[in-house]
Amino acid sequence: MLLAVNGIEVIYDHVILVLKGVSLQVPEGGIVALLGANGAGKSTTLKAISGLLRTERGDVSKGAIEFRGEPIHRCDPSQVVRKGVVQVMEGRHVFEHLTVEENLLTGAYTRREPLERDLERVYTYFPRLTQRRGVRAGYISGGEQQMLAIGRALMARPKLMLLDEPSMGLAPMLVQEIFEIVSRLNREEDVAVLLAEQNAVIALRFAQYGYVMENGRIVLDGDAKTIADNEDIKEFYLGLSGVGQRKSYRDAKHYKRRKRWLS
């Protein structure tokens, strides 16, 4: 197994318990979706894996995170990147004052060898960036910034990419384009992906397996088709009842089902 998260708990400021016994796995070359509403704990899970928790005064207080059998939950972020795990943050976080190409080069800061072939590889996957390589990142579109953030992560030659809400704030056609490129990276570069998403429809279209988070816990997991066909998923995340009708979140039966699911 490429990545194994085993029963982790995460505490912020030594007091606030955010994750409660979270376990998940990502196989070599797989795409795994981590689904959940805003505030469910998806971003915290990714930051626990990438080592970024400590920058926000968070800590893995219980459990373990292993990458290729080695524990990484006590490593600093640069060590995690060197091992082959890179996170693409929610909100993209490009360096707006640097050009597109300068942003890409920052993704290879842990490496010392020539980077020309890596740059050309990124431009092959993201041809939109080719014409924008000399433009400051603050002046390109949101979709191009998301492509830039993924391309920057690719410069580190990862074996596992952690994508946090890549569809956020983007038009559906752009989201489809970006997910298709990620799928190509997975197939052609053998990059495994752990994908945190609120957009269950697009995530389950590309993932092979899925986990659903609620209130800092994994409440459901299974292969993508099983998750997509689950009546609770249709109701809570796709807004559909079993007969395909839109359902009110104030519906009493719905509330009871959700309460039972989370208990």
Protein backbone atom coordinates (compact mmCIF):
# COMPACT_ATOMS: atom_id res chain seq x y z
CA MET A 1 0.00 0.00 0.00
CA LEU A 2 1.35 3.42 -0.98
CA LEU A 3 -0.32 5.44 1.80
CA ALA A 4 -1.90 4.14 5.01
CA VAL A 5 -3.55 6.47 7.51
CA ASN A 6 -4.22 4.45 10.65
CA GLY A 7 -6.64 5.76 13.28
CA ILE A 8 -5.26 9.27 13.53
CA GLU A 9 -6.53 11.95 15.87
CA VAL A 10 -5.62 15.58 15.26
CA ILE A 11 -5.66 18.29 17.92
CA TYR A 12 -5.25 22.04 17.37
CA ASP A 13 -3.74 24.25 20.08
CA HIS A 14 -3.44 21.18 22.36
CA VAL A 15 -7.19 21.43 23.00
CA ILE A 16 -9.48 21.23 19.95
CA LEU A 17 -10.06 17.68 18.67
CA VAL A 18 -10.67 17.87 14.90
CA LEU A 19 -10.07 14.33 13.56
CA LYS A 20 -11.32 11.33 15.50
CA GLY A 21 -9.82 7.99 14.53
CA VAL A 22 -9.50 8.56 10.77
CA SER A 23 -8.23 5.62 8.70
CA LEU A 24 -7.86 5.44 4.93
CA GLN A 25 -5.61 3.95 2.26
CA VAL A 26 -4.33 4.94 -1.17
CA PRO A 27 -2.91 2.15 -3.37
CA GLU A 28 -0.01 2.55 -5.80
CA GLY A 29 -1.29 4.35 -8.90
CA GLY A 30 -4.81 4.79 -7.52
CA ILE A 31 -7.21 7.73 -7.37
CA VAL A 32 -9.09 7.93 -4.06
CA ALA A 33 -11.80 10.49 -3.27
CA LEU A 34 -12.26 11.98 0.20
CA LEU A 35 -15.76 13.44 0.22
CA GLY A 36 -17.51 15.63 2.74
CA ALA A 37 -19.12 18.98 3.37
CA ASN A 38 -17.17 22.09 4.28
CA GLY A 39 -15.71 21.64 7.78
CA ALA A 40 -15.88 17.83 7.75
CA GLY A 41 -12.11 17.48 8.20
CA LYS A 42 -10.91 16.81 4.65
CA SER A 43 -8.28 19.58 4.54
CA THR A 44 -7.03 18.71 8.00
CA THR A 45 -6.55 15.09 6.88
CA LEU A 46 -4.48 16.18 3.87
CA LYS A 47 -2.38 18.55 5.99
CA ALA A 48 -1.74 15.76 8.51
CA ILE A 49 -0.35 13.66 5.64
CA SER A 50 1.74 16.45 4.06
CA GLY A 51 3.16 17.74 7.35
CA LEU A 52 1.54 21.17 7.09
CA LEU A 53 -0.47 20.82 10.31
CA ARG A 54 2.27 22.29 12.47
CA THR A 55 2.18 25.58 10.58
CA GLU A 56 -1.37 25.94 11.98
CA ARG A 57 -0.55 24.72 15.51
CA GLY A 58 -2.02 21.30 14.84
CA ASP A 59 -0.60 17.90 15.76
CA VAL A 60 -1.28 14.20 15.15
CA SER A 61 -1.91 13.12 18.74
CA LYS A 62 -2.80 9.46 18.09
CA GLY A 63 -2.41 6.93 15.30
CA ALA A 64 0.12 6.82 12.47
CA ILE A 65 0.57 7.81 8.84
CA GLU A 66 2.77 5.56 6.70
CA PHE A 67 4.05 6.13 3.18
CA ARG A 68 5.44 2.97 1.62
CA GLY A 69 5.63 1.44 5.08
CA GLU A 70 7.56 4.31 6.68
CA PRO A 71 5.96 6.64 9.26
CA ILE A 72 5.78 10.25 8.02
CA HIS A 73 3.48 11.95 10.57
CA ARG A 74 6.48 13.36 12.47
CA CYS A 75 8.30 14.58 9.35
CA ASP A 76 8.46 18.23 8.37
CA PRO A 77 6.85 19.24 5.03
CA SER A 78 10.12 19.33 3.04
CA GLN A 79 10.95 15.77 4.15
CA VAL A 80 7.48 14.61 3.09
CA VAL A 81 7.98 16.20 -0.36
CA ARG A 82 11.36 14.48 -0.75
CA LYS A 83 9.69 11.15 0.00
CA GLY A 84 7.28 11.75 -2.88
CA VAL A 85 4.13 13.33 -1.36
CA VAL A 86 3.01 16.79 -2.53
CA GLN A 87 -0.10 18.75 -1.57
CA VAL A 88 -1.96 21.18 -3.83
CA MET A 89 -3.63 23.55 -1.39
CA GLU A 90 -7.24 24.67 -1.47
CA GLY A 91 -7.41 28.10 -3.08
CA ARG A 92 -4.35 27.40 -5.28
CA HIS A 93 -1.89 29.71 -3.42
CA VAL A 94 0.24 30.64 -6.43
CA PHE A 95 2.92 33.29 -5.99
CA GLU A 96 1.15 36.16 -7.72
CA HIS A 97 4.24 38.37 -8.10
CA LEU A 98 6.22 35.60 -9.88
CA THR A 99 5.75 34.52 -13.48
CA VAL A 100 4.10 31.22 -14.37
CA GLU A 101 7.48 29.63 -15.08
CA GLU A 102 9.03 30.99 -11.88
CA ASN A 103 6.10 29.47 -9.96
CA LEU A 104 6.75 26.12 -11.60
CA LEU A 105 10.42 26.25 -10.69
CA THR A 106 9.55 26.77 -7.00
CA GLY A 107 7.93 23.33 -7.09
CA ALA A 108 11.34 21.76 -7.68
CA TYR A 109 13.12 23.40 -4.73
CA THR A 110 13.95 20.00 -3.21
CA ARG A 111 15.81 18.93 -6.37
CA ARG A 112 19.18 19.87 -7.82
CA GLU A 113 19.26 18.31 -11.31
CA PRO A 114 18.41 20.24 -14.55
CA LEU A 115 14.71 21.01 -14.81
CA GLU A 116 14.17 21.75 -18.53
CA ARG A 117 12.59 18.36 -19.26
CA ASP A 118 10.31 18.68 -16.26
CA LEU A 119 9.13 22.10 -17.42
CA GLU A 120 8.40 20.77 -20.88
CA ARG A 121 6.48 17.87 -19.36
CA VAL A 122 4.26 20.31 -17.41
CA TYR A 123 3.67 22.41 -20.53
CA THR A 124 2.71 19.24 -22.43
CA TYR A 125 0.01 18.43 -19.90
CA PHE A 126 -1.06 22.06 -19.46
CA PRO A 127 -0.68 23.69 -22.91
CA ARG A 128 -2.59 26.76 -21.68
CA LEU A 129 0.40 27.58 -19.49
CA THR A 130 2.83 27.53 -22.43
CA GLN A 131 1.61 30.87 -23.76
CA ARG A 132 1.46 32.28 -20.23
CA ARG A 133 4.91 31.22 -19.05
CA GLY A 134 6.23 34.79 -18.85
CA VAL A 135 3.06 36.32 -17.34
CA ARG A 136 2.80 37.05 -13.62
CA ALA A 137 0.59 34.45 -11.95
CA GLY A 138 -1.64 37.13 -10.43
CA TYR A 139 -2.81 38.07 -13.93
CA ILE A 140 -3.94 34.64 -15.15
CA SER A 141 -7.42 33.17 -14.72
CA GLY A 142 -8.57 31.03 -11.79
CA GLY A 143 -8.58 27.93 -13.96
CA GLU A 144 -5.06 28.64 -15.17
CA GLN A 145 -3.95 29.21 -11.57
CA GLN A 146 -5.33 25.78 -10.63
CA MET A 147 -3.44 24.23 -13.54
CA LEU A 148 -0.33 26.10 -12.41
CA ALA A 149 -0.69 24.80 -8.85
CA ILE A 150 -0.96 21.20 -10.09
CA GLY A 151 1.93 21.73 -12.53
CA ARG A 152 4.05 23.16 -9.73
CA ALA A 153 3.36 20.02 -7.66
CA LEU A 154 4.29 17.85 -10.65
CA MET A 155 7.72 19.52 -10.76
CA ALA A 156 8.58 17.69 -7.51
CA ARG A 157 8.07 14.34 -9.30
CA PRO A 158 5.57 13.07 -6.73
CA LYS A 159 4.35 9.51 -6.31
CA LEU A 160 1.30 10.80 -4.42
CA MET A 161 -0.50 14.09 -5.06
CA LEU A 162 -2.93 15.46 -2.47
CA LEU A 163 -5.52 17.67 -4.19
CA ASP A 164 -7.65 19.89 -1.95
CA GLU A 165 -10.90 21.08 -3.57
CA PRO A 166 -9.53 21.54 -7.12
CA SER A 167 -13.02 22.33 -8.46
CA MET A 168 -13.63 25.25 -6.09
CA GLY A 169 -14.73 28.44 -7.82
CA LEU A 170 -14.31 27.08 -11.35
CA ALA A 171 -16.79 26.72 -14.21
CA PRO A 172 -17.95 23.12 -14.90
CA MET A 173 -16.12 22.90 -18.26
CA LEU A 174 -12.84 23.95 -16.65
CA VAL A 175 -13.37 21.48 -13.81
CA GLN A 176 -13.88 18.68 -16.34
CA GLU A 177 -10.72 19.71 -18.22
CA ILE A 178 -8.61 19.77 -15.04
CA PHE A 179 -9.91 16.41 -13.83
CA GLU A 180 -9.18 14.84 -17.22
CA ILE A 181 -5.59 16.12 -17.03
CA VAL A 182 -5.25 14.72 -13.49
CA SER A 183 -6.55 11.39 -14.78
CA ARG A 184 -3.91 11.46 -17.53
CA LEU A 185 -1.18 12.20 -14.98
CA ASN A 186 -2.40 9.24 -12.97
CA ARG A 187 -2.29 6.89 -15.98
CA GLU A 188 0.79 8.14 -17.80
CA GLU A 189 3.03 9.27 -14.93
CA ASP A 190 1.83 6.71 -12.35
CA VAL A 191 0.99 9.47 -9.88
CA ALA A 192 -1.47 8.34 -7.21
CA VAL A 193 -4.06 10.93 -6.13
CA LEU A 194 -5.92 11.56 -2.89
CA LEU A 195 -8.67 13.98 -3.83
CA ALA A 196 -10.57 15.99 -1.21
CA GLU A 197 -13.78 17.28 -2.78
CA GLN A 198 -17.25 18.56 -1.96
CA ASN A 199 -18.23 17.93 -5.58
CA ALA A 200 -19.06 14.23 -5.22
CA VAL A 201 -20.32 13.89 -8.81
CA ILE A 202 -17.04 14.80 -10.51
CA ALA A 203 -14.84 13.16 -7.87
CA LEU A 204 -16.58 9.77 -8.10
CA ARG A 205 -16.46 9.92 -11.90
CA PHE A 206 -12.64 9.77 -11.80
CA ALA A 207 -11.85 7.96 -8.53
CA GLN A 208 -11.76 4.20 -8.06
CA TYR A 209 -12.52 4.31 -4.33
CA GLY A 210 -14.11 6.81 -1.96
CA TYR A 211 -14.32 7.76 1.69
CA VAL A 212 -16.99 10.03 3.18
CA MET A 213 -16.15 12.29 6.13
CA GLU A 214 -18.53 13.88 8.64
CA ASN A 215 -17.51 15.77 11.76
CA GLY A 216 -13.92 14.53 11.70
CA ARG A 217 -14.78 10.85 11.14
CA ILE A 218 -14.95 8.46 8.19
CA VAL A 219 -18.60 7.40 8.10
CA LEU A 220 -18.68 5.45 4.83
CA ASP A 221 -16.25 3.96 2.33
CA GLY A 222 -16.35 1.73 -0.72
CA ASP A 223 -15.58 1.56 -4.43
CA ALA A 224 -16.69 4.62 -6.40
CA LYS A 225 -19.78 3.01 -7.93
CA THR A 226 -21.00 1.73 -4.55
CA ILE A 227 -20.56 5.18 -3.02
CA ALA A 228 -22.25 6.92 -5.95
CA ASP A 229 -25.22 4.51 -5.79
CA ASN A 230 -25.64 4.86 -2.02
CA GLU A 231 -29.02 6.42 -1.18
CA ASP A 232 -27.58 8.49 1.66
CA ILE A 233 -24.90 9.93 -0.65
CA LYS A 234 -27.53 10.78 -3.24
CA GLU A 235 -29.59 12.48 -0.58
CA PHE A 236 -26.93 14.31 1.45
CA TYR A 237 -24.40 15.22 -1.26
CA LEU A 238 -26.27 15.16 -4.55
CA GLY A 239 -29.55 16.51 -3.16
CA LEU A 240 -31.60 13.65 -4.62
CA SER A 241 -33.97 11.17 -3.04
CA GLY A 242 -34.16 7.58 -4.22
CA VAL A 243 -36.65 8.48 -6.97
CA GLY A 244 -34.50 11.34 -8.27
CA GLN A 245 -36.49 14.15 -6.69
CA ARG A 246 -34.84 17.13 -5.04
CA LYS A 247 -35.19 16.81 -1.29
CA SER A 248 -35.51 19.43 1.41
CA TYR A 249 -32.87 19.34 4.13
CA ARG A 250 -35.63 20.24 6.58
CA ASP A 251 -37.54 17.07 5.80
CA ALA A 252 -38.11 15.14 9.06
CA LYS A 253 -37.42 11.70 7.59
CA HIS A 254 -34.21 13.00 6.01
CA TYR A 255 -33.10 14.43 9.35
CA LYS A 256 -33.70 11.13 11.14
CA ARG A 257 -31.78 9.18 8.48
CA ARG A 258 -28.86 11.57 8.69
CA LYS A 259 -28.86 11.43 12.48
CA ARG A 260 -28.85 7.62 12.35
CA TRP A 261 -26.01 7.61 9.77
CA LEU A 262 -23.80 9.82 11.92
CA SER A 263 -24.46 8.02 15.21
